[in-house]
Amino acid sequence: MTFTAIDNCIAILRADGSMERRCDGMLTYTDNIIFVELKNQRKNWISDAVEQLKITIECFTKHHDLNLFKRKRAFACNKKHPNFCTGHKETMKRFFDTYKIRLNIQAKIKI
């Protein structure tokens, strides 16, 4: 398994040259890819995490073929807020419909 740090390690620039928000990292192994965003905040953490995952995935797909991976997942996790409402099915469905990547919103990553 390989962990690739993205946030503060790989530059993703906006059109004006400023730094874009991006997820924390990515795990790859055999034919699996997992994008990871870790949060440590109470307010708006899910929308912030999902947005950072989207930006990173869009940049990644401009330069790499996601079809090389059989299993594609994204995790938005928050250790400070492990007990949250699980009513995010619409967000997860929209994410999958757009990127063909399964989004998991939870406190821990289980591989």
PDB file of N, CA and C in Angstrom:
ATOM      1  N   MET A   1       0.847  -1.170   0.000  1.00  0.00           N
ATOM      2  CA  MET A   1       0.000   0.000   0.000  1.00  0.00           C
ATOM      3  C   MET A   1       0.890   1.229   0.000  1.00  0.00           C
ATOM      4  N   THR A   2       0.486   2.234  -0.765  1.00  0.00           N
ATOM      5  CA  THR A   2       1.236   3.478  -0.850  1.00  0.00           C
ATOM      6  C   THR A   2       0.358   4.642  -0.436  1.00  0.00           C
ATOM      7  N   PHE A   3       0.851   5.473   0.489  1.00  0.00           N
ATOM      8  CA  PHE A   3       0.166   6.703   0.855  1.00  0.00           C
ATOM      9  C   PHE A   3       0.878   7.847   0.154  1.00  0.00           C
ATOM     10  N   THR A   4       0.109   8.660  -0.553  1.00  0.00           N
ATOM     11  CA  THR A   4       0.649   9.841  -1.219  1.00  0.00           C
ATOM     12  C   THR A   4       0.054  11.071  -0.557  1.00  0.00           C
ATOM     13  N   ALA A   5       0.890  11.867   0.073  1.00  0.00           N
ATOM     14  CA  ALA A   5       0.430  13.110   0.689  1.00  0.00           C
ATOM     15  C   ALA A   5       0.122  14.107  -0.422  1.00  0.00           C
ATOM     16  N   ILE A   6      -1.003  14.772  -0.311  1.00  0.00           N
ATOM     17  CA  ILE A   6      -1.404  15.741  -1.337  1.00  0.00           C
ATOM     18  C   ILE A   6      -1.415  17.148  -0.754  1.00  0.00           C
ATOM     19  N   ASP A   7      -2.150  17.355   0.339  1.00  0.00           N
ATOM     20  CA  ASP A   7      -2.242  18.681   0.941  1.00  0.00           C
ATOM     21  C   ASP A   7      -0.859  19.120   1.421  1.00  0.00           C
ATOM     22  N   ASN A   8      -0.479  20.320   1.076  1.00  0.00           N
ATOM     23  CA  ASN A   8       0.828  20.895   1.413  1.00  0.00           C
ATOM     24  C   ASN A   8       2.001  20.189   0.742  1.00  0.00           C
ATOM     25  N   CYS A   9       1.723  19.272  -0.190  1.00  0.00           N
ATOM     26  CA  CYS A   9       2.802  18.567  -0.892  1.00  0.00           C
ATOM     27  C   CYS A   9       2.673  18.665  -2.409  1.00  0.00           C
ATOM     28  N   ILE A  10       1.473  18.682  -2.901  1.00  0.00           N
ATOM     29  CA  ILE A  10       1.233  18.766  -4.342  1.00  0.00           C
ATOM     30  C   ILE A  10       0.451  20.044  -4.612  1.00  0.00           C
ATOM     31  N   ALA A  11       0.990  20.875  -5.488  1.00  0.00           N
ATOM     32  CA  ALA A  11       0.346  22.151  -5.788  1.00  0.00           C
ATOM     33  C   ALA A  11      -0.774  21.954  -6.808  1.00  0.00           C
ATOM     34  N   ILE A  12      -1.951  22.427  -6.442  1.00  0.00           N
ATOM     35  CA  ILE A  12      -3.077  22.507  -7.373  1.00  0.00           C
ATOM     36  C   ILE A  12      -3.449  23.985  -7.391  1.00  0.00           C
ATOM     37  N   LEU A  13      -3.246  24.624  -8.530  1.00  0.00           N
ATOM     38  CA  LEU A  13      -3.411  26.073  -8.612  1.00  0.00           C
ATOM     39  C   LEU A  13      -4.713  26.467  -9.296  1.00  0.00           C
ATOM     40  N   ARG A  14      -5.302  27.556  -8.803  1.00  0.00           N
ATOM     41  CA  ARG A  14      -6.470  28.163  -9.443  1.00  0.00           C
ATOM     42  C   ARG A  14      -5.982  28.954 -10.661  1.00  0.00           C
ATOM     43  N   ALA A  15      -6.917  29.429 -11.465  1.00  0.00           N
ATOM     44  CA  ALA A  15      -6.586  30.206 -12.664  1.00  0.00           C
ATOM     45  C   ALA A  15      -5.797  31.471 -12.317  1.00  0.00           C
ATOM     46  N   ASP A  16      -6.040  32.046 -11.138  1.00  0.00           N
ATOM     47  CA  ASP A  16      -5.333  33.267 -10.748  1.00  0.00           C
ATOM     48  C   ASP A  16      -3.962  32.994 -10.118  1.00  0.00           C
ATOM     49  N   GLY A  17      -3.569  31.709 -10.035  1.00  0.00           N
ATOM     50  CA  GLY A  17      -2.262  31.345  -9.499  1.00  0.00           C
ATOM     51  C   GLY A  17      -2.255  31.042  -8.013  1.00  0.00           C
ATOM     52  N   SER A  18      -3.370  31.287  -7.334  1.00  0.00           N
ATOM     53  CA  SER A  18      -3.429  30.983  -5.902  1.00  0.00           C
ATOM     54  C   SER A  18      -3.628  29.480  -5.699  1.00  0.00           C
ATOM     55  N   MET A  19      -3.312  29.015  -4.506  1.00  0.00           N
ATOM     56  CA  MET A  19      -3.386  27.591  -4.193  1.00  0.00           C
ATOM     57  C   MET A  19      -4.832  27.162  -3.980  1.00  0.00           C
ATOM     58  N   GLU A  20      -5.189  26.070  -4.616  1.00  0.00           N
ATOM     59  CA  GLU A  20      -6.531  25.494  -4.472  1.00  0.00           C
ATOM     60  C   GLU A  20      -6.566  24.610  -3.231  1.00  0.00           C
ATOM     61  N   ARG A  21      -7.743  24.446  -2.665  1.00  0.00           N
ATOM     62  CA  ARG A  21      -7.911  23.508  -1.544  1.00  0.00           C
ATOM     63  C   ARG A  21      -7.844  22.104  -2.119  1.00  0.00           C
ATOM     64  N   ARG A  22      -7.326  21.159  -1.348  1.00  0.00           N
ATOM     65  CA  ARG A  22      -7.203  19.789  -1.820  1.00  0.00           C
ATOM     66  C   ARG A  22      -7.283  18.835  -0.630  1.00  0.00           C
ATOM     67  N   CYS A  23      -7.509  17.566  -0.922  1.00  0.00           N
ATOM     68  CA  CYS A  23      -7.637  16.597   0.174  1.00  0.00           C
ATOM     69  C   CYS A  23      -6.259  16.282   0.765  1.00  0.00           C
ATOM     70  N   ASP A  24      -6.278  15.590   1.896  1.00  0.00           N
ATOM     71  CA  ASP A  24      -5.035  15.313   2.618  1.00  0.00           C
ATOM     72  C   ASP A  24      -4.131  14.319   1.907  1.00  0.00           C
ATOM     73  N   GLY A  25      -4.728  13.303   1.311  1.00  0.00           N
ATOM     74  CA  GLY A  25      -3.878  12.308   0.671  1.00  0.00           C
ATOM     75  C   GLY A  25      -4.659  11.243  -0.044  1.00  0.00           C
ATOM     76  N   MET A  26      -3.916  10.241  -0.498  1.00  0.00           N
ATOM     77  CA  MET A  26      -4.493   9.174  -1.293  1.00  0.00           C
ATOM     78  C   MET A  26      -3.742   7.884  -0.996  1.00  0.00           C
ATOM     79  N   LEU A  27      -4.491   6.808  -0.883  1.00  0.00           N
ATOM     80  CA  LEU A  27      -3.931   5.472  -0.706  1.00  0.00           C
ATOM     81  C   LEU A  27      -4.143   4.697  -1.989  1.00  0.00           C
ATOM     82  N   THR A  28      -3.098   4.003  -2.436  1.00  0.00           N
ATOM     83  CA  THR A  28      -3.233   3.144  -3.616  1.00  0.00           C
ATOM     84  C   THR A  28      -2.614   1.790  -3.313  1.00  0.00           C
ATOM     85  N   TYR A  29      -3.266   0.750  -3.798  1.00  0.00           N
ATOM     86  CA  TYR A  29      -2.724  -0.606  -3.699  1.00  0.00           C
ATOM     87  C   TYR A  29      -3.457  -1.480  -4.700  1.00  0.00           C
ATOM     88  N   THR A  30      -2.745  -2.412  -5.274  1.00  0.00           N
ATOM     89  CA  THR A  30      -3.226  -3.277  -6.367  1.00  0.00           C
ATOM     90  C   THR A  30      -4.109  -2.458  -7.294  1.00  0.00           C
ATOM     91  N   ASP A  31      -5.404  -2.732  -7.331  1.00  0.00           N
ATOM     92  CA  ASP A  31      -6.289  -1.990  -8.232  1.00  0.00           C
ATOM     93  C   ASP A  31      -7.286  -1.127  -7.452  1.00  0.00           C
ATOM     94  N   ASN A  32      -6.818  -0.572  -6.320  1.00  0.00           N
ATOM     95  CA  ASN A  32      -7.638   0.269  -5.449  1.00  0.00           C
ATOM     96  C   ASN A  32      -7.046   1.669  -5.336  1.00  0.00           C
ATOM     97  N   ILE A  33      -7.943   2.663  -5.251  1.00  0.00           N
ATOM     98  CA  ILE A  33      -7.530   4.036  -4.959  1.00  0.00           C
ATOM     99  C   ILE A  33      -8.508   4.607  -3.946  1.00  0.00           C
ATOM    100  N   ILE A  34      -7.962   5.288  -2.941  1.00  0.00           N
ATOM    101  CA  ILE A  34      -8.773   5.879  -1.888  1.00  0.00           C
ATOM    102  C   ILE A  34      -8.292   7.303  -1.660  1.00  0.00           C
ATOM    103  N   PHE A  35      -9.178   8.274  -1.878  1.00  0.00           N
ATOM    104  CA  PHE A  35      -8.886   9.668  -1.576  1.00  0.00           C
ATOM    105  C   PHE A  35      -9.350   9.936  -0.145  1.00  0.00           C
ATOM    106  N   VAL A  36      -8.535  10.663   0.637  1.00  0.00           N
ATOM    107  CA  VAL A  36      -8.812  10.836   2.063  1.00  0.00           C
ATOM    108  C   VAL A  36      -8.770  12.312   2.444  1.00  0.00           C
ATOM    109  N   GLU A  37      -9.820  12.745   3.150  1.00  0.00           N
ATOM    110  CA  GLU A  37      -9.827  14.074   3.751  1.00  0.00           C
ATOM    111  C   GLU A  37     -10.171  13.910   5.224  1.00  0.00           C
ATOM    112  N   LEU A  38      -9.256  14.363   6.075  1.00  0.00           N
ATOM    113  CA  LEU A  38      -9.421  14.268   7.522  1.00  0.00           C
ATOM    114  C   LEU A  38      -9.755  15.645   8.075  1.00  0.00           C
ATOM    115  N   LYS A  39     -10.792  15.694   8.882  1.00  0.00           N
ATOM    116  CA  LYS A  39     -11.208  16.965   9.472  1.00  0.00           C
ATOM    117  C   LYS A  39     -11.098  16.884  10.985  1.00  0.00           C
ATOM    118  N   ASN A  40     -10.972  18.051  11.584  1.00  0.00           N
ATOM    119  CA  ASN A  40     -10.857  18.164  13.029  1.00  0.00           C
ATOM    120  C   ASN A  40     -11.631  19.414  13.456  1.00  0.00           C
ATOM    121  N   GLN A  41     -12.860  19.534  12.944  1.00  0.00           N
ATOM    122  CA  GLN A  41     -13.659  20.725  13.200  1.00  0.00           C
ATOM    123  C   GLN A  41     -15.114  20.326  13.422  1.00  0.00           C
ATOM    124  N   ARG A  42     -15.906  21.213  13.965  1.00  0.00           N
ATOM    125  CA  ARG A  42     -17.314  20.928  14.259  1.00  0.00           C
ATOM    126  C   ARG A  42     -18.251  21.427  13.160  1.00  0.00           C
ATOM    127  N   LYS A  43     -18.090  22.645  12.689  1.00  0.00           N
ATOM    128  CA  LYS A  43     -19.035  23.258  11.751  1.00  0.00           C
ATOM    129  C   LYS A  43     -18.650  23.002  10.298  1.00  0.00           C
ATOM    130  N   ASN A  44     -19.650  22.688   9.501  1.00  0.00           N
ATOM    131  CA  ASN A  44     -19.515  22.557   8.043  1.00  0.00           C
ATOM    132  C   ASN A  44     -18.425  21.597   7.596  1.00  0.00           C
ATOM    133  N   TRP A  45     -18.054  20.663   8.424  1.00  0.00           N
ATOM    134  CA  TRP A  45     -16.931  19.802   8.066  1.00  0.00           C
ATOM    135  C   TRP A  45     -17.246  18.894   6.885  1.00  0.00           C
ATOM    136  N   ILE A  46     -18.470  18.443   6.780  1.00  0.00           N
ATOM    137  CA  ILE A  46     -18.793  17.516   5.689  1.00  0.00           C
ATOM    138  C   ILE A  46     -18.730  18.228   4.348  1.00  0.00           C
ATOM    139  N   SER A  47     -19.361  19.388   4.245  1.00  0.00           N
ATOM    140  CA  SER A  47     -19.330  20.115   2.965  1.00  0.00           C
ATOM    141  C   SER A  47     -17.908  20.535   2.607  1.00  0.00           C
ATOM    142  N   ASP A  48     -17.112  20.949   3.600  1.00  0.00           N
ATOM    143  CA  ASP A  48     -15.711  21.314   3.345  1.00  0.00           C
ATOM    144  C   ASP A  48     -14.915  20.109   2.853  1.00  0.00           C
ATOM    145  N   ALA A  49     -15.086  18.978   3.512  1.00  0.00           N
ATOM    146  CA  ALA A  49     -14.344  17.770   3.138  1.00  0.00           C
ATOM    147  C   ALA A  49     -14.730  17.299   1.739  1.00  0.00           C
ATOM    148  N   VAL A  50     -16.023  17.285   1.442  1.00  0.00           N
ATOM    149  CA  VAL A  50     -16.493  16.834   0.127  1.00  0.00           C
ATOM    150  C   VAL A  50     -15.959  17.752  -0.965  1.00  0.00           C
ATOM    151  N   GLU A  51     -15.950  19.046  -0.724  1.00  0.00           N
ATOM    152  CA  GLU A  51     -15.434  19.996  -1.715  1.00  0.00           C
ATOM    153  C   GLU A  51     -13.943  19.754  -1.983  1.00  0.00           C
ATOM    154  N   GLN A  52     -13.159  19.518  -0.943  1.00  0.00           N
ATOM    155  CA  GLN A  52     -11.733  19.257  -1.121  1.00  0.00           C
ATOM    156  C   GLN A  52     -11.506  17.946  -1.876  1.00  0.00           C
ATOM    157  N   LEU A  53     -12.316  16.944  -1.611  1.00  0.00           N
ATOM    158  CA  LEU A  53     -12.219  15.678  -2.350  1.00  0.00           C
ATOM    159  C   LEU A  53     -12.554  15.892  -3.825  1.00  0.00           C
ATOM    160  N   LYS A  54     -13.605  16.650  -4.101  1.00  0.00           N
ATOM    161  CA  LYS A  54     -14.010  16.918  -5.489  1.00  0.00           C
ATOM    162  C   LYS A  54     -12.887  17.607  -6.273  1.00  0.00           C
ATOM    163  N   ILE A  55     -12.316  18.643  -5.683  1.00  0.00           N
ATOM    164  CA  ILE A  55     -11.244  19.397  -6.352  1.00  0.00           C
ATOM    165  C   ILE A  55     -10.066  18.483  -6.663  1.00  0.00           C
ATOM    166  N   THR A  56      -9.674  17.673  -5.705  1.00  0.00           N
ATOM    167  CA  THR A  56      -8.539  16.771  -5.892  1.00  0.00           C
ATOM    168  C   THR A  56      -8.833  15.724  -6.960  1.00  0.00           C
ATOM    169  N   ILE A  57     -10.017  15.144  -6.926  1.00  0.00           N
ATOM    170  CA  ILE A  57     -10.385  14.117  -7.902  1.00  0.00           C
ATOM    171  C   ILE A  57     -10.450  14.705  -9.303  1.00  0.00           C
ATOM    172  N   GLU A  58     -11.005  15.891  -9.444  1.00  0.00           N
ATOM    173  CA  GLU A  58     -11.070  16.538 -10.764  1.00  0.00           C
ATOM    174  C   GLU A  58      -9.679  16.791 -11.314  1.00  0.00           C
ATOM    175  N   CYS A  59      -8.764  17.236 -10.471  1.00  0.00           N
ATOM    176  CA  CYS A  59      -7.382  17.452 -10.910  1.00  0.00           C
ATOM    177  C   CYS A  59      -6.719  16.127 -11.260  1.00  0.00           C
ATOM    178  N   PHE A  60      -6.907  15.124 -10.420  1.00  0.00           N
ATOM    179  CA  PHE A  60      -6.313  13.810 -10.657  1.00  0.00           C
ATOM    180  C   PHE A  60      -6.772  13.233 -11.993  1.00  0.00           C
ATOM    181  N   THR A  61      -8.063  13.338 -12.293  1.00  0.00           N
ATOM    182  CA  THR A  61      -8.591  12.733 -13.516  1.00  0.00           C
ATOM    183  C   THR A  61      -8.153  13.478 -14.783  1.00  0.00           C
ATOM    184  N   LYS A  62      -7.686  14.698 -14.639  1.00  0.00           N
ATOM    185  CA  LYS A  62      -7.134  15.415 -15.798  1.00  0.00           C
ATOM    186  C   LYS A  62      -5.802  14.816 -16.238  1.00  0.00           C
ATOM    187  N   HIS A  63      -5.102  14.166 -15.306  1.00  0.00           N
ATOM    188  CA  HIS A  63      -3.757  13.678 -15.583  1.00  0.00           C
ATOM    189  C   HIS A  63      -3.597  12.163 -15.485  1.00  0.00           C
ATOM    190  N   HIS A  64      -4.608  11.476 -14.954  1.00  0.00           N
ATOM    191  CA  HIS A  64      -4.521  10.025 -14.747  1.00  0.00           C
ATOM    192  C   HIS A  64      -5.847   9.359 -15.106  1.00  0.00           C
ATOM    193  N   ASP A  65      -5.789   8.113 -15.472  1.00  0.00           N
ATOM    194  CA  ASP A  65      -6.976   7.351 -15.840  1.00  0.00           C
ATOM    195  C   ASP A  65      -7.495   6.577 -14.624  1.00  0.00           C
ATOM    196  N   LEU A  66      -8.631   7.005 -14.096  1.00  0.00           N
ATOM    197  CA  LEU A  66      -9.220   6.318 -12.943  1.00  0.00           C
ATOM    198  C   LEU A  66      -9.723   4.924 -13.306  1.00  0.00           C
ATOM    199  N   ASN A  67      -9.927   4.657 -14.586  1.00  0.00           N
ATOM    200  CA  ASN A  67     -10.402   3.338 -15.014  1.00  0.00           C
ATOM    201  C   ASN A  67      -9.370   2.246 -14.772  1.00  0.00           C
ATOM    202  N   LEU A  68      -8.132   2.624 -14.474  1.00  0.00           N
ATOM    203  CA  LEU A  68      -7.103   1.638 -14.143  1.00  0.00           C
ATOM    204  C   LEU A  68      -7.356   1.007 -12.776  1.00  0.00           C
ATOM    205  N   PHE A  69      -8.229   1.635 -11.996  1.00  0.00           N
ATOM    206  CA  PHE A  69      -8.535   1.154 -10.657  1.00  0.00           C
ATOM    207  C   PHE A  69      -9.913   0.507 -10.644  1.00  0.00           C
ATOM    208  N   LYS A  70      -9.976  -0.703 -10.120  1.00  0.00           N
ATOM    209  CA  LYS A  70     -11.241  -1.428 -10.041  1.00  0.00           C
ATOM    210  C   LYS A  70     -12.124  -0.861  -8.934  1.00  0.00           C
ATOM    211  N   ARG A  71     -11.506  -0.555  -7.805  1.00  0.00           N
ATOM    212  CA  ARG A  71     -12.252  -0.056  -6.657  1.00  0.00           C
ATOM    213  C   ARG A  71     -11.807   1.368  -6.354  1.00  0.00           C
ATOM    214  N   LYS A  72     -12.771   2.296  -6.358  1.00  0.00           N
ATOM    215  CA  LYS A  72     -12.489   3.714  -6.152  1.00  0.00           C
ATOM    216  C   LYS A  72     -13.346   4.227  -4.993  1.00  0.00           C
ATOM    217  N   ARG A  73     -12.682   4.794  -3.990  1.00  0.00           N
ATOM    218  CA  ARG A  73     -13.401   5.292  -2.825  1.00  0.00           C
ATOM    219  C   ARG A  73     -12.839   6.637  -2.374  1.00  0.00           C
ATOM    220  N   ALA A  74     -13.661   7.367  -1.653  1.00  0.00           N
ATOM    221  CA  ALA A  74     -13.240   8.620  -1.033  1.00  0.00           C
ATOM    222  C   ALA A  74     -13.788   8.625   0.387  1.00  0.00           C
ATOM    223  N   PHE A  75     -12.967   9.071   1.324  1.00  0.00           N
ATOM    224  CA  PHE A  75     -13.363   9.125   2.724  1.00  0.00           C
ATOM    225  C   PHE A  75     -13.292  10.550   3.237  1.00  0.00           C
ATOM    226  N   ALA A  76     -14.377  10.997   3.858  1.00  0.00           N
ATOM    227  CA  ALA A  76     -14.415  12.247   4.605  1.00  0.00           C
ATOM    228  C   ALA A  76     -14.584  11.836   6.058  1.00  0.00           C
ATOM    229  N   CYS A  77     -13.560  12.072   6.867  1.00  0.00           N
ATOM    230  CA  CYS A  77     -13.567  11.591   8.256  1.00  0.00           C
ATOM    231  C   CYS A  77     -13.322  12.738   9.227  1.00  0.00           C
ATOM    232  N   ASN A  78     -13.916  12.586  10.429  1.00  0.00           N
ATOM    233  CA  ASN A  78     -13.740  13.599  11.463  1.00  0.00           C
ATOM    234  C   ASN A  78     -13.718  12.927  12.826  1.00  0.00           C
ATOM    235  N   LYS A  79     -12.564  12.919  13.455  1.00  0.00           N
ATOM    236  CA  LYS A  79     -12.438  12.275  14.764  1.00  0.00           C
ATOM    237  C   LYS A  79     -13.090  13.099  15.872  1.00  0.00           C
ATOM    238  N   LYS A  80     -13.236  14.412  15.672  1.00  0.00           N
ATOM    239  CA  LYS A  80     -13.854  15.264  16.691  1.00  0.00           C
ATOM    240  C   LYS A  80     -15.369  15.155  16.687  1.00  0.00           C
ATOM    241  N   HIS A  81     -15.912  14.682  15.626  1.00  0.00           N
ATOM    242  CA  HIS A  81     -17.359  14.630  15.497  1.00  0.00           C
ATOM    243  C   HIS A  81     -17.775  13.243  15.003  1.00  0.00           C
ATOM    244  N   PRO A  82     -17.457  12.185  15.782  1.00  0.00           N
ATOM    245  CA  PRO A  82     -17.727  10.827  15.318  1.00  0.00           C
ATOM    246  C   PRO A  82     -19.205  10.465  15.283  1.00  0.00           C
ATOM    247  N   ASN A  83     -20.034  11.159  16.077  1.00  0.00           N
ATOM    248  CA  ASN A  83     -21.462  10.851  16.115  1.00  0.00           C
ATOM    249  C   ASN A  83     -22.234  11.941  15.381  1.00  0.00           C
ATOM    250  N   PHE A  84     -22.457  11.730  14.105  1.00  0.00           N
ATOM    251  CA  PHE A  84     -23.163  12.720  13.307  1.00  0.00           C
ATOM    252  C   PHE A  84     -24.346  12.057  12.629  1.00  0.00           C
ATOM    253  N   CYS A  85     -25.232  12.875  12.167  1.00  0.00           N
ATOM    254  CA  CYS A  85     -26.415  12.376  11.471  1.00  0.00           C
ATOM    255  C   CYS A  85     -25.985  11.626  10.224  1.00  0.00           C
ATOM    256  N   THR A  86     -26.530  10.449  10.016  1.00  0.00           N
ATOM    257  CA  THR A  86     -26.120   9.639   8.868  1.00  0.00           C
ATOM    258  C   THR A  86     -26.954   9.927   7.632  1.00  0.00           C
ATOM    259  N   GLY A  87     -27.721  11.000   7.633  1.00  0.00           N
ATOM    260  CA  GLY A  87     -28.602  11.330   6.506  1.00  0.00           C
ATOM    261  C   GLY A  87     -27.894  12.047   5.377  1.00  0.00           C
ATOM    262  N   HIS A  88     -26.851  11.461   4.852  1.00  0.00           N
ATOM    263  CA  HIS A  88     -26.102  12.085   3.762  1.00  0.00           C
ATOM    264  C   HIS A  88     -26.153  11.233   2.493  1.00  0.00           C
ATOM    265  N   LYS A  89     -27.193  10.425   2.378  1.00  0.00           N
ATOM    266  CA  LYS A  89     -27.308   9.536   1.223  1.00  0.00           C
ATOM    267  C   LYS A  89     -27.360  10.301  -0.088  1.00  0.00           C
ATOM    268  N   GLU A  90     -28.055  11.440  -0.108  1.00  0.00           N
ATOM    269  CA  GLU A  90     -28.158  12.221  -1.344  1.00  0.00           C
ATOM    270  C   GLU A  90     -26.788  12.773  -1.750  1.00  0.00           C
ATOM    271  N   THR A  91     -26.018  13.264  -0.784  1.00  0.00           N
ATOM    272  CA  THR A  91     -24.670  13.766  -1.063  1.00  0.00           C
ATOM    273  C   THR A  91     -23.796  12.642  -1.613  1.00  0.00           C
ATOM    274  N   MET A  92     -23.874  11.473  -0.988  1.00  0.00           N
ATOM    275  CA  MET A  92     -23.058  10.336  -1.427  1.00  0.00           C
ATOM    276  C   MET A  92     -23.496   9.845  -2.807  1.00  0.00           C
ATOM    277  N   LYS A  93     -24.793   9.856  -3.083  1.00  0.00           N
ATOM    278  CA  LYS A  93     -25.290   9.429  -4.394  1.00  0.00           C
ATOM    279  C   LYS A  93     -24.843  10.400  -5.486  1.00  0.00           C
ATOM    280  N   ARG A  94     -24.995  11.711  -5.228  1.00  0.00           N
ATOM    281  CA  ARG A  94     -24.557  12.718  -6.210  1.00  0.00           C
ATOM    282  C   ARG A  94     -23.070  12.593  -6.491  1.00  0.00           C
ATOM    283  N   PHE A  95     -22.290  12.369  -5.446  1.00  0.00           N
ATOM    284  CA  PHE A  95     -20.840  12.208  -5.585  1.00  0.00           C
ATOM    285  C   PHE A  95     -20.541  11.008  -6.482  1.00  0.00           C
ATOM    286  N   PHE A  96     -21.197   9.882  -6.218  1.00  0.00           N
ATOM    287  CA  PHE A  96     -20.967   8.684  -7.026  1.00  0.00           C
ATOM    288  C   PHE A  96     -21.423   8.894  -8.466  1.00  0.00           C
ATOM    289  N   ASP A  97     -22.585   9.515  -8.653  1.00  0.00           N
ATOM    290  CA  ASP A  97     -23.093   9.760 -10.008  1.00  0.00           C
ATOM    291  C   ASP A  97     -22.141  10.644 -10.813  1.00  0.00           C
ATOM    292  N   THR A  98     -21.509  11.594 -10.152  1.00  0.00           N
ATOM    293  CA  THR A  98     -20.596  12.525 -10.831  1.00  0.00           C
ATOM    294  C   THR A  98     -19.226  11.918 -11.092  1.00  0.00           C
ATOM    295  N   TYR A  99     -18.640  11.270 -10.090  1.00  0.00           N
ATOM    296  CA  TYR A  99     -17.250  10.822 -10.174  1.00  0.00           C
ATOM    297  C   TYR A  99     -17.065   9.310 -10.297  1.00  0.00           C
ATOM    298  N   LYS A 100     -18.134   8.552 -10.105  1.00  0.00           N
ATOM    299  CA  LYS A 100     -18.061   7.075 -10.103  1.00  0.00           C
ATOM    300  C   LYS A 100     -17.095   6.586  -9.018  1.00  0.00           C
ATOM    301  N   ILE A 101     -17.096   7.312  -7.909  1.00  0.00           N
ATOM    302  CA  ILE A 101     -16.276   6.989  -6.740  1.00  0.00           C
ATOM    303  C   ILE A 101     -17.209   6.953  -5.534  1.00  0.00           C
ATOM    304  N   ARG A 102     -17.134   5.896  -4.755  1.00  0.00           N
ATOM    305  CA  ARG A 102     -17.990   5.752  -3.577  1.00  0.00           C
ATOM    306  C   ARG A 102     -17.473   6.648  -2.459  1.00  0.00           C
ATOM    307  N   LEU A 103     -18.341   7.530  -1.955  1.00  0.00           N
ATOM    308  CA  LEU A 103     -18.006   8.452  -0.871  1.00  0.00           C
ATOM    309  C   LEU A 103     -18.464   7.863   0.454  1.00  0.00           C
ATOM    310  N   ASN A 104     -17.570   7.854   1.438  1.00  0.00           N
ATOM    311  CA  ASN A 104     -17.868   7.405   2.793  1.00  0.00           C
ATOM    312  C   ASN A 104     -17.672   8.581   3.733  1.00  0.00           C
ATOM    313  N   ILE A 105     -18.706   8.879   4.532  1.00  0.00           N
ATOM    314  CA  ILE A 105     -18.629   9.949   5.520  1.00  0.00           C
ATOM    315  C   ILE A 105     -18.722   9.270   6.877  1.00  0.00           C
ATOM    316  N   GLN A 106     -17.615   9.300   7.626  1.00  0.00           N
ATOM    317  CA  GLN A 106     -17.570   8.576   8.893  1.00  0.00           C
ATOM    318  C   GLN A 106     -16.410   9.044   9.750  1.00  0.00           C
ATOM    319  N   ALA A 107     -16.254   8.406  10.902  1.00  0.00           N
ATOM    320  CA  ALA A 107     -15.199   8.804  11.835  1.00  0.00           C
ATOM    321  C   ALA A 107     -13.897   8.060  11.579  1.00  0.00           C
ATOM    322  N   LYS A 108     -13.980   6.843  11.056  1.00  0.00           N
ATOM    323  CA  LYS A 108     -12.790   6.024  10.852  1.00  0.00           C
ATOM    324  C   LYS A 108     -12.777   5.439   9.445  1.00  0.00           C
ATOM    325  N   ILE A 109     -11.578   5.172   8.958  1.00  0.00           N
ATOM    326  CA  ILE A 109     -11.411   4.529   7.654  1.00  0.00           C
ATOM    327  C   ILE A 109     -11.153   3.051   7.886  1.00  0.00           C
ATOM    328  N   LYS A 110     -11.994   2.216   7.313  1.00  0.00           N
ATOM    329  CA  LYS A 110     -11.783   0.766   7.387  1.00  0.00           C
ATOM    330  C   LYS A 110     -11.545   0.275   5.975  1.00  0.00           C
ATOM    331  N   ILE A 111     -10.388  -0.331   5.785  1.00  0.00           N
ATOM    332  CA  ILE A 111     -10.010  -0.825   4.452  1.00  0.00           C
ATOM    333  C   ILE A 111     -10.243  -2.317   4.399  1.00  0.00           C
TER     334      ILE A 111
END
